[in-house]
Amino acid sequence: MHSVYSKIKHPFHLVDPSPWPFFGSFFVLGFTMGMVSLMHGFQGGLPLVSLGQLGILFVMYVWWRDVVREATFEGCHTQKVQAGLKLGMILFISSEVMFFFAFFWTFFHSCLSPTIEIGYSWPPFGIQVLSPWGVPFLNTLLLLLSGFTVTVCHHSIVWGNKKIALVSLFCTLACAQVFLWLQVFEYINAPFLICDSVYGSIFFMATGFHGFHVLIGMIFLSVCFWRLQADHFTRTHHVGFECAVYYWHMVDVVWLFLFVVVYWFCGN
């Protein structure tokens, strides 16, 4: 480290050449070609999709492994670099907010001006909506609790209390796991399907993509849990966990809007 980074006169991280972007694009291309082949019934589509998925997962693992090594052991992530990473995460979260905004726009477009195809009513004629005070309300409490526990974990890291940080982060992961299981239970017992009018399409697309984001956030926090156990985070250097916290709070806020708009608004 002294022979390389001691000569650097600026705080920025000049990334070393890496093969993972090339291999990543190669596996993404294979996955896409496999999906197209599978949808058109061509032979070899499923093996190509499986190979692409495995390759993408492998590239994700080794690429993030290199990032963790650069941050934890090589000292590449200076304060300036950390600020840039946080800004990048905020911009990414902004794009995710716009993604969900499209679903809310679609919902209100159909809700405020129902057409003859859905019986001039909202919810559409024949759709029995779910009660907001059952599983949806329980899931809301779980996500609010997880937002509290992940904040406790963040403050515990800043205070240098590793034990409380691990316990609170474990509670966050437990809440996320229960949330996903309850959402699966809700989908199985829903009185409508995704093909049942525009309401079914919006409901399953919006809540389903949110559930997918919960899954991604849970994986993100699980990696942070392992890194916390391995003492990768210090009181002043834990940008990876901070990005995970930003992401998780976005998941919480989006669910609050989903609960109010999709569940409560239609259930009353």
C-alpha atoms as a PDB file:
ATOM      1  CA  MET A   1       0.000   0.000   0.000  1.00  0.00           C
ATOM      2  CA  HIS A   2       2.835   2.384   0.784  1.00  0.00           C
ATOM      3  CA  SER A   3       4.524   1.679  -2.545  1.00  0.00           C
ATOM      4  CA  VAL A   4       1.393   2.474  -4.574  1.00  0.00           C
ATOM      5  CA  TYR A   5      -1.013   4.749  -2.740  1.00  0.00           C
ATOM      6  CA  SER A   6       1.558   6.868  -0.925  1.00  0.00           C
ATOM      7  CA  LYS A   7       2.402   8.509  -4.276  1.00  0.00           C
ATOM      8  CA  ILE A   8      -1.194   9.505  -5.018  1.00  0.00           C
ATOM      9  CA  LYS A   9      -1.754  13.262  -4.638  1.00  0.00           C
ATOM     10  CA  HIS A  10      -5.564  13.253  -4.928  1.00  0.00           C
ATOM     11  CA  PRO A  11      -8.378  11.666  -2.866  1.00  0.00           C
ATOM     12  CA  PHE A  12     -10.095   9.888  -5.753  1.00  0.00           C
ATOM     13  CA  HIS A  13     -10.059   6.158  -6.485  1.00  0.00           C
ATOM     14  CA  LEU A  14      -8.734   5.267  -9.944  1.00  0.00           C
ATOM     15  CA  VAL A  15     -10.164   1.784 -10.446  1.00  0.00           C
ATOM     16  CA  ASP A  16      -7.744  -0.917 -11.583  1.00  0.00           C
ATOM     17  CA  PRO A  17      -8.493  -2.780 -14.846  1.00  0.00           C
ATOM     18  CA  SER A  18     -11.085  -5.486 -14.206  1.00  0.00           C
ATOM     19  CA  PRO A  19     -12.389  -8.353 -16.367  1.00  0.00           C
ATOM     20  CA  TRP A  20     -15.783  -8.456 -14.654  1.00  0.00           C
ATOM     21  CA  PRO A  21     -17.590  -5.816 -16.791  1.00  0.00           C
ATOM     22  CA  PHE A  22     -16.718  -7.795 -19.927  1.00  0.00           C
ATOM     23  CA  PHE A  23     -17.795 -11.135 -18.478  1.00  0.00           C
ATOM     24  CA  GLY A  24     -20.885  -9.531 -16.974  1.00  0.00           C
ATOM     25  CA  SER A  25     -22.036  -8.168 -20.336  1.00  0.00           C
ATOM     26  CA  PHE A  26     -21.308 -11.549 -21.939  1.00  0.00           C
ATOM     27  CA  PHE A  27     -23.506 -13.421 -19.438  1.00  0.00           C
ATOM     28  CA  VAL A  28     -26.275 -10.803 -19.667  1.00  0.00           C
ATOM     29  CA  LEU A  29     -26.281 -11.250 -23.450  1.00  0.00           C
ATOM     30  CA  GLY A  30     -26.478 -15.025 -23.010  1.00  0.00           C
ATOM     31  CA  PHE A  31     -29.341 -14.676 -20.532  1.00  0.00           C
ATOM     32  CA  THR A  32     -31.254 -12.371 -22.895  1.00  0.00           C
ATOM     33  CA  MET A  33     -30.761 -14.675 -25.871  1.00  0.00           C
ATOM     34  CA  GLY A  34     -31.850 -17.629 -23.739  1.00  0.00           C
ATOM     35  CA  MET A  35     -35.043 -15.850 -22.664  1.00  0.00           C
ATOM     36  CA  VAL A  36     -35.906 -14.974 -26.260  1.00  0.00           C
ATOM     37  CA  SER A  37     -35.240 -18.566 -27.346  1.00  0.00           C
ATOM     38  CA  LEU A  38     -37.296 -19.915 -24.460  1.00  0.00           C
ATOM     39  CA  MET A  39     -40.259 -17.672 -25.236  1.00  0.00           C
ATOM     40  CA  HIS A  40     -40.240 -18.769 -28.890  1.00  0.00           C
ATOM     41  CA  GLY A  41     -39.927 -22.448 -28.024  1.00  0.00           C
ATOM     42  CA  PHE A  42     -36.435 -22.953 -29.435  1.00  0.00           C
ATOM     43  CA  GLN A  43     -34.297 -25.784 -28.137  1.00  0.00           C
ATOM     44  CA  GLY A  44     -31.456 -24.793 -25.861  1.00  0.00           C
ATOM     45  CA  GLY A  45     -33.254 -21.774 -24.412  1.00  0.00           C
ATOM     46  CA  LEU A  46     -33.513 -23.083 -20.857  1.00  0.00           C
ATOM     47  CA  PRO A  47     -29.828 -24.169 -20.554  1.00  0.00           C
ATOM     48  CA  LEU A  48     -28.743 -20.787 -21.928  1.00  0.00           C
ATOM     49  CA  VAL A  49     -30.933 -18.964 -19.409  1.00  0.00           C
ATOM     50  CA  SER A  50     -29.548 -21.086 -16.564  1.00  0.00           C
ATOM     51  CA  LEU A  51     -25.960 -20.498 -17.693  1.00  0.00           C
ATOM     52  CA  GLY A  52     -26.599 -16.775 -17.960  1.00  0.00           C
ATOM     53  CA  GLN A  53     -28.132 -16.611 -14.477  1.00  0.00           C
ATOM     54  CA  LEU A  54     -25.259 -18.538 -12.906  1.00  0.00           C
ATOM     55  CA  GLY A  55     -22.735 -16.377 -14.731  1.00  0.00           C
ATOM     56  CA  ILE A  56     -24.421 -13.144 -13.628  1.00  0.00           C
ATOM     57  CA  LEU A  57     -24.480 -14.312  -9.999  1.00  0.00           C
ATOM     58  CA  PHE A  58     -20.806 -15.291 -10.210  1.00  0.00           C
ATOM     59  CA  VAL A  59     -19.806 -11.920 -11.693  1.00  0.00           C
ATOM     60  CA  MET A  60     -21.839 -10.094  -9.039  1.00  0.00           C
ATOM     61  CA  TYR A  61     -20.057 -12.013  -6.296  1.00  0.00           C
ATOM     62  CA  VAL A  62     -16.492 -11.520  -7.546  1.00  0.00           C
ATOM     63  CA  TRP A  63     -17.083  -7.890  -8.542  1.00  0.00           C
ATOM     64  CA  TRP A  64     -18.485  -6.929  -5.141  1.00  0.00           C
ATOM     65  CA  ARG A  65     -15.721  -8.986  -3.512  1.00  0.00           C
ATOM     66  CA  ASP A  66     -13.200  -6.742  -5.233  1.00  0.00           C
ATOM     67  CA  VAL A  67     -15.074  -3.624  -4.121  1.00  0.00           C
ATOM     68  CA  VAL A  68     -15.099  -4.853  -0.508  1.00  0.00           C
ATOM     69  CA  ARG A  69     -11.384  -5.574  -0.687  1.00  0.00           C
ATOM     70  CA  GLU A  70     -10.663  -2.118  -2.084  1.00  0.00           C
ATOM     71  CA  ALA A  71     -12.744  -0.476   0.638  1.00  0.00           C
ATOM     72  CA  THR A  72     -11.669  -2.555   3.635  1.00  0.00           C
ATOM     73  CA  PHE A  73      -8.110  -3.695   3.040  1.00  0.00           C
ATOM     74  CA  GLU A  74      -6.601  -1.405   0.398  1.00  0.00           C
ATOM     75  CA  GLY A  75      -7.843   1.926   1.756  1.00  0.00           C
ATOM     76  CA  CYS A  76      -9.131   3.118  -1.606  1.00  0.00           C
ATOM     77  CA  HIS A  77     -12.384   4.565  -0.299  1.00  0.00           C
ATOM     78  CA  THR A  78     -11.343   7.934   1.042  1.00  0.00           C
ATOM     79  CA  GLN A  79     -13.862  10.434   2.396  1.00  0.00           C
ATOM     80  CA  LYS A  80     -14.177  11.939  -1.070  1.00  0.00           C
ATOM     81  CA  VAL A  81     -14.832   8.530  -2.611  1.00  0.00           C
ATOM     82  CA  GLN A  82     -17.385   7.703   0.074  1.00  0.00           C
ATOM     83  CA  ALA A  83     -19.238  10.935  -0.653  1.00  0.00           C
ATOM     84  CA  GLY A  84     -19.345  10.015  -4.333  1.00  0.00           C
ATOM     85  CA  LEU A  85     -20.647   6.523  -3.558  1.00  0.00           C
ATOM     86  CA  LYS A  86     -23.392   7.944  -1.343  1.00  0.00           C
ATOM     87  CA  LEU A  87     -24.403  10.397  -4.056  1.00  0.00           C
ATOM     88  CA  GLY A  88     -24.514   7.576  -6.591  1.00  0.00           C
ATOM     89  CA  MET A  89     -26.753   5.566  -4.274  1.00  0.00           C
ATOM     90  CA  ILE A  90     -29.069   8.545  -3.813  1.00  0.00           C
ATOM     91  CA  LEU A  91     -29.352   8.976  -7.584  1.00  0.00           C
ATOM     92  CA  PHE A  92     -30.080   5.266  -7.979  1.00  0.00           C
ATOM     93  CA  ILE A  93     -32.798   5.467  -5.315  1.00  0.00           C
ATOM     94  CA  SER A  94     -34.256   8.482  -7.134  1.00  0.00           C
ATOM     95  CA  SER A  95     -34.572   6.348 -10.272  1.00  0.00           C
ATOM     96  CA  GLU A  96     -36.324   3.665  -8.219  1.00  0.00           C
ATOM     97  CA  VAL A  97     -38.768   6.257  -6.903  1.00  0.00           C
ATOM     98  CA  MET A  98     -39.565   7.265 -10.492  1.00  0.00           C
ATOM     99  CA  PHE A  99     -40.099   3.585 -11.299  1.00  0.00           C
ATOM    100  CA  PHE A 100     -42.781   3.254  -8.614  1.00  0.00           C
ATOM    101  CA  PHE A 101     -44.201   6.666  -9.524  1.00  0.00           C
ATOM    102  CA  ALA A 102     -45.205   5.147 -12.872  1.00  0.00           C
ATOM    103  CA  PHE A 103     -47.334   2.548 -11.053  1.00  0.00           C
ATOM    104  CA  PHE A 104     -49.022   5.211  -8.925  1.00  0.00           C
ATOM    105  CA  TRP A 105     -49.676   7.293 -12.046  1.00  0.00           C
ATOM    106  CA  THR A 106     -51.311   4.286 -13.707  1.00  0.00           C
ATOM    107  CA  PHE A 107     -53.383   3.626 -10.609  1.00  0.00           C
ATOM    108  CA  PHE A 108     -54.761   7.152 -10.345  1.00  0.00           C
ATOM    109  CA  HIS A 109     -55.308   7.362 -14.105  1.00  0.00           C
ATOM    110  CA  SER A 110     -57.670   4.384 -13.898  1.00  0.00           C
ATOM    111  CA  CYS A 111     -59.042   5.252 -10.472  1.00  0.00           C
ATOM    112  CA  LEU A 112     -60.036   8.891 -10.991  1.00  0.00           C
ATOM    113  CA  SER A 113     -61.490   8.334 -14.462  1.00  0.00           C
ATOM    114  CA  PRO A 114     -62.809   4.759 -14.741  1.00  0.00           C
ATOM    115  CA  THR A 115     -63.849   3.748 -18.237  1.00  0.00           C
ATOM    116  CA  ILE A 116     -66.750   1.665 -19.526  1.00  0.00           C
ATOM    117  CA  GLU A 117     -64.500  -1.412 -19.785  1.00  0.00           C
ATOM    118  CA  ILE A 118     -64.275  -1.594 -15.982  1.00  0.00           C
ATOM    119  CA  GLY A 119     -67.902  -0.640 -15.344  1.00  0.00           C
ATOM    120  CA  TYR A 120     -67.398   3.079 -14.696  1.00  0.00           C
ATOM    121  CA  SER A 121     -66.418   2.208 -11.132  1.00  0.00           C
ATOM    122  CA  TRP A 122     -63.336   1.812  -8.989  1.00  0.00           C
ATOM    123  CA  PRO A 123     -62.517  -0.812  -7.928  1.00  0.00           C
ATOM    124  CA  PRO A 124     -63.654  -2.317 -11.231  1.00  0.00           C
ATOM    125  CA  PHE A 125     -66.959  -4.138 -11.301  1.00  0.00           C
ATOM    126  CA  GLY A 126     -66.619  -7.677  -9.938  1.00  0.00           C
ATOM    127  CA  ILE A 127     -63.333  -7.087  -8.068  1.00  0.00           C
ATOM    128  CA  GLN A 128     -63.357  -7.865  -4.338  1.00  0.00           C
ATOM    129  CA  VAL A 129     -60.510  -5.851  -2.833  1.00  0.00           C
ATOM    130  CA  LEU A 130     -58.431  -6.950   0.136  1.00  0.00           C
ATOM    131  CA  SER A 131     -59.010  -5.458   3.567  1.00  0.00           C
ATOM    132  CA  PRO A 132     -56.194  -3.071   4.505  1.00  0.00           C
ATOM    133  CA  TRP A 133     -56.439  -3.983   8.204  1.00  0.00           C
ATOM    134  CA  GLY A 134     -55.335  -7.595   7.911  1.00  0.00           C
ATOM    135  CA  VAL A 135     -52.045  -8.736   6.379  1.00  0.00           C
ATOM    136  CA  PRO A 136     -51.300  -5.337   4.754  1.00  0.00           C
ATOM    137  CA  PHE A 137     -51.471  -3.523   8.106  1.00  0.00           C
ATOM    138  CA  LEU A 138     -49.316  -6.186   9.763  1.00  0.00           C
ATOM    139  CA  ASN A 139     -46.767  -5.850   6.977  1.00  0.00           C
ATOM    140  CA  THR A 140     -46.801  -2.083   7.477  1.00  0.00           C
ATOM    141  CA  LEU A 141     -45.980  -2.519  11.160  1.00  0.00           C
ATOM    142  CA  LEU A 142     -43.199  -4.958  10.280  1.00  0.00           C
ATOM    143  CA  LEU A 143     -41.558  -2.550   7.843  1.00  0.00           C
ATOM    144  CA  LEU A 144     -41.865   0.362  10.273  1.00  0.00           C
ATOM    145  CA  LEU A 145     -40.243  -1.804  12.947  1.00  0.00           C
ATOM    146  CA  SER A 146     -37.491  -2.835  10.540  1.00  0.00           C
ATOM    147  CA  GLY A 147     -36.838   0.823   9.725  1.00  0.00           C
ATOM    148  CA  PHE A 148     -36.428   1.507  13.443  1.00  0.00           C
ATOM    149  CA  THR A 149     -34.125  -1.459  14.065  1.00  0.00           C
ATOM    150  CA  VAL A 150     -31.892  -0.700  11.060  1.00  0.00           C
ATOM    151  CA  THR A 151     -31.552   2.882  12.348  1.00  0.00           C
ATOM    152  CA  VAL A 152     -30.598   1.527  15.777  1.00  0.00           C
ATOM    153  CA  CYS A 153     -27.990  -0.629  14.046  1.00  0.00           C
ATOM    154  CA  HIS A 154     -26.586   2.396  12.228  1.00  0.00           C
ATOM    155  CA  HIS A 155     -26.286   4.427  15.418  1.00  0.00           C
ATOM    156  CA  SER A 156     -24.757   1.443  17.221  1.00  0.00           C
ATOM    157  CA  ILE A 157     -22.033   1.206  14.565  1.00  0.00           C
ATOM    158  CA  VAL A 158     -21.308   4.922  14.960  1.00  0.00           C
ATOM    159  CA  TRP A 159     -21.156   4.479  18.752  1.00  0.00           C
ATOM    160  CA  GLY A 160     -18.914   1.422  18.421  1.00  0.00           C
ATOM    161  CA  ASN A 161     -21.375  -1.027  20.003  1.00  0.00           C
ATOM    162  CA  LYS A 162     -21.034  -4.110  17.809  1.00  0.00           C
ATOM    163  CA  LYS A 163     -23.298  -6.376  19.891  1.00  0.00           C
ATOM    164  CA  ILE A 164     -26.355  -4.122  19.707  1.00  0.00           C
ATOM    165  CA  ALA A 165     -25.651  -3.482  16.021  1.00  0.00           C
ATOM    166  CA  LEU A 166     -25.701  -7.209  15.261  1.00  0.00           C
ATOM    167  CA  VAL A 167     -28.877  -7.834  17.286  1.00  0.00           C
ATOM    168  CA  SER A 168     -30.769  -4.920  15.724  1.00  0.00           C
ATOM    169  CA  LEU A 169     -29.654  -5.870  12.202  1.00  0.00           C
ATOM    170  CA  PHE A 170     -30.758  -9.456  12.813  1.00  0.00           C
ATOM    171  CA  CYS A 171     -34.178  -8.138  13.890  1.00  0.00           C
ATOM    172  CA  THR A 172     -34.358  -6.119  10.664  1.00  0.00           C
ATOM    173  CA  LEU A 173     -33.669  -9.231   8.590  1.00  0.00           C
ATOM    174  CA  ALA A 174     -36.253 -11.210  10.568  1.00  0.00           C
ATOM    175  CA  CYS A 175     -38.910  -8.552   9.909  1.00  0.00           C
ATOM    176  CA  ALA A 176     -38.064  -8.603   6.192  1.00  0.00           C
ATOM    177  CA  GLN A 177     -38.340 -12.400   6.084  1.00  0.00           C
ATOM    178  CA  VAL A 178     -41.747 -12.399   7.787  1.00  0.00           C
ATOM    179  CA  PHE A 179     -42.909  -9.613   5.459  1.00  0.00           C
ATOM    180  CA  LEU A 180     -42.098 -11.696   2.385  1.00  0.00           C
ATOM    181  CA  TRP A 181     -43.810 -14.798   3.753  1.00  0.00           C
ATOM    182  CA  LEU A 182     -46.932 -12.791   4.580  1.00  0.00           C
ATOM    183  CA  GLN A 183     -46.940 -11.313   1.091  1.00  0.00           C
ATOM    184  CA  VAL A 184     -46.764 -14.795  -0.423  1.00  0.00           C
ATOM    185  CA  PHE A 185     -49.669 -15.822   1.841  1.00  0.00           C
ATOM    186  CA  GLU A 186     -51.629 -12.770   0.685  1.00  0.00           C
ATOM    187  CA  TYR A 187     -51.030 -13.569  -2.985  1.00  0.00           C
ATOM    188  CA  ILE A 188     -52.137 -17.180  -2.554  1.00  0.00           C
ATOM    189  CA  ASN A 189     -55.388 -16.143  -0.867  1.00  0.00           C
ATOM    190  CA  ALA A 190     -56.172 -13.054  -2.957  1.00  0.00           C
ATOM    191  CA  PRO A 191     -59.688 -13.187  -4.478  1.00  0.00           C
ATOM    192  CA  PHE A 192     -58.396 -11.887  -7.830  1.00  0.00           C
ATOM    193  CA  LEU A 193     -55.514 -12.569 -10.233  1.00  0.00           C
ATOM    194  CA  ILE A 194     -53.102 -10.387 -12.169  1.00  0.00           C
ATOM    195  CA  CYS A 195     -55.269 -10.866 -15.269  1.00  0.00           C
ATOM    196  CA  ASP A 196     -58.428  -9.629 -13.503  1.00  0.00           C
ATOM    197  CA  SER A 197     -58.946  -6.158 -14.912  1.00  0.00           C
ATOM    198  CA  VAL A 198     -56.554  -3.227 -14.593  1.00  0.00           C
ATOM    199  CA  TYR A 199     -56.804  -3.378 -10.805  1.00  0.00           C
ATOM    200  CA  GLY A 200     -55.325  -6.869 -10.637  1.00  0.00           C
ATOM    201  CA  SER A 201     -52.510  -5.878 -12.980  1.00  0.00           C
ATOM    202  CA  ILE A 202     -51.609  -2.745 -11.003  1.00  0.00           C
ATOM    203  CA  PHE A 203     -51.923  -4.507  -7.649  1.00  0.00           C
ATOM    204  CA  PHE A 204     -49.650  -7.430  -8.431  1.00  0.00           C
ATOM    205  CA  MET A 205     -47.147  -5.374 -10.425  1.00  0.00           C
ATOM    206  CA  ALA A 206     -46.765  -2.648  -7.793  1.00  0.00           C
ATOM    207  CA  THR A 207     -46.758  -4.851  -4.683  1.00  0.00           C
ATOM    208  CA  GLY A 208     -44.816  -7.599  -6.439  1.00  0.00           C
ATOM    209  CA  PHE A 209     -42.012  -5.286  -7.511  1.00  0.00           C
ATOM    210  CA  HIS A 210     -41.963  -3.861  -4.001  1.00  0.00           C
ATOM    211  CA  GLY A 211     -41.601  -7.376  -2.629  1.00  0.00           C
ATOM    212  CA  PHE A 212     -38.716  -7.919  -5.039  1.00  0.00           C
ATOM    213  CA  HIS A 213     -37.077  -4.758  -3.675  1.00  0.00           C
ATOM    214  CA  VAL A 214     -37.569  -6.079  -0.144  1.00  0.00           C
ATOM    215  CA  LEU A 215     -35.769  -9.266  -1.201  1.00  0.00           C
ATOM    216  CA  ILE A 216     -32.883  -7.294  -2.721  1.00  0.00           C
ATOM    217  CA  GLY A 217     -32.673  -5.111   0.388  1.00  0.00           C
ATOM    218  CA  MET A 218     -32.644  -8.190   2.597  1.00  0.00           C
ATOM    219  CA  ILE A 219     -29.726  -9.638   0.600  1.00  0.00           C
ATOM    220  CA  PHE A 220     -27.969  -6.269   0.844  1.00  0.00           C
ATOM    221  CA  LEU A 221     -28.407  -6.185   4.628  1.00  0.00           C
ATOM    222  CA  SER A 222     -27.426  -9.862   4.954  1.00  0.00           C
ATOM    223  CA  VAL A 223     -24.071  -9.071   3.346  1.00  0.00           C
ATOM    224  CA  CYS A 224     -23.732  -6.128   5.751  1.00  0.00           C
ATOM    225  CA  PHE A 225     -24.497  -8.506   8.646  1.00  0.00           C
ATOM    226  CA  TRP A 226     -21.650 -10.772   7.574  1.00  0.00           C
ATOM    227  CA  ARG A 227     -19.311  -7.818   7.110  1.00  0.00           C
ATOM    228  CA  LEU A 228     -20.284  -6.455  10.515  1.00  0.00           C
ATOM    229  CA  GLN A 229     -19.371  -9.785  12.083  1.00  0.00           C
ATOM    230  CA  ALA A 230     -16.048  -9.718  10.219  1.00  0.00           C
ATOM    231  CA  ASP A 231     -15.252  -6.214  11.566  1.00  0.00           C
ATOM    232  CA  HIS A 232     -15.289  -4.597   8.128  1.00  0.00           C
ATOM    233  CA  PHE A 233     -17.134  -1.548   9.456  1.00  0.00           C
ATOM    234  CA  THR A 234     -15.639   1.109  11.692  1.00  0.00           C
ATOM    235  CA  ARG A 235     -17.236   4.082  13.405  1.00  0.00           C
ATOM    236  CA  THR A 236     -16.206   6.400  10.538  1.00  0.00           C
ATOM    237  CA  HIS A 237     -15.969   4.010   7.586  1.00  0.00           C
ATOM    238  CA  HIS A 238     -19.153   2.046   6.811  1.00  0.00           C
ATOM    239  CA  VAL A 239     -20.385   3.482   3.532  1.00  0.00           C
ATOM    240  CA  GLY A 240     -21.614   0.071   2.345  1.00  0.00           C
ATOM    241  CA  PHE A 241     -23.969  -0.165   5.290  1.00  0.00           C
ATOM    242  CA  GLU A 242     -25.091   3.440   4.875  1.00  0.00           C
ATOM    243  CA  CYS A 243     -26.092   2.714   1.278  1.00  0.00           C
ATOM    244  CA  ALA A 244     -28.051  -0.320   2.475  1.00  0.00           C
ATOM    245  CA  VAL A 245     -29.836   1.867   5.042  1.00  0.00           C
ATOM    246  CA  TYR A 246     -30.740   4.412   2.354  1.00  0.00           C
ATOM    247  CA  TYR A 247     -32.156   1.634   0.203  1.00  0.00           C
ATOM    248  CA  TRP A 248     -34.116   0.107   3.070  1.00  0.00           C
ATOM    249  CA  HIS A 249     -35.702   3.413   4.047  1.00  0.00           C
ATOM    250  CA  MET A 250     -36.757   3.860   0.412  1.00  0.00           C
ATOM    251  CA  VAL A 251     -38.438   0.447   0.602  1.00  0.00           C
ATOM    252  CA  ASP A 252     -40.246   1.532   3.793  1.00  0.00           C
ATOM    253  CA  VAL A 253     -41.499   4.811   2.343  1.00  0.00           C
ATOM    254  CA  VAL A 254     -42.701   3.232  -0.901  1.00  0.00           C
ATOM    255  CA  TRP A 255     -44.673   0.647   1.069  1.00  0.00           C
ATOM    256  CA  LEU A 256     -46.389   3.385   3.090  1.00  0.00           C
ATOM    257  CA  PHE A 257     -47.581   4.939  -0.164  1.00  0.00           C
ATOM    258  CA  LEU A 258     -48.671   1.523  -1.452  1.00  0.00           C
ATOM    259  CA  PHE A 259     -50.599   0.834   1.738  1.00  0.00           C
ATOM    260  CA  VAL A 260     -52.418   4.171   1.645  1.00  0.00           C
ATOM    261  CA  VAL A 261     -53.140   4.192  -2.094  1.00  0.00           C
ATOM    262  CA  VAL A 262     -53.606   0.559  -3.136  1.00  0.00           C
ATOM    263  CA  TYR A 263     -55.005  -0.952   0.071  1.00  0.00           C
ATOM    264  CA  TRP A 264     -56.627   1.760   2.193  1.00  0.00           C
ATOM    265  CA  PHE A 265     -57.924   4.024  -0.603  1.00  0.00           C
ATOM    266  CA  CYS A 266     -59.648   1.114  -2.337  1.00  0.00           C
ATOM    267  CA  GLY A 267     -60.790  -0.551   0.853  1.00  0.00           C
ATOM    268  CA  ASN A 268     -62.763   2.429   2.085  1.00  0.00           C
END
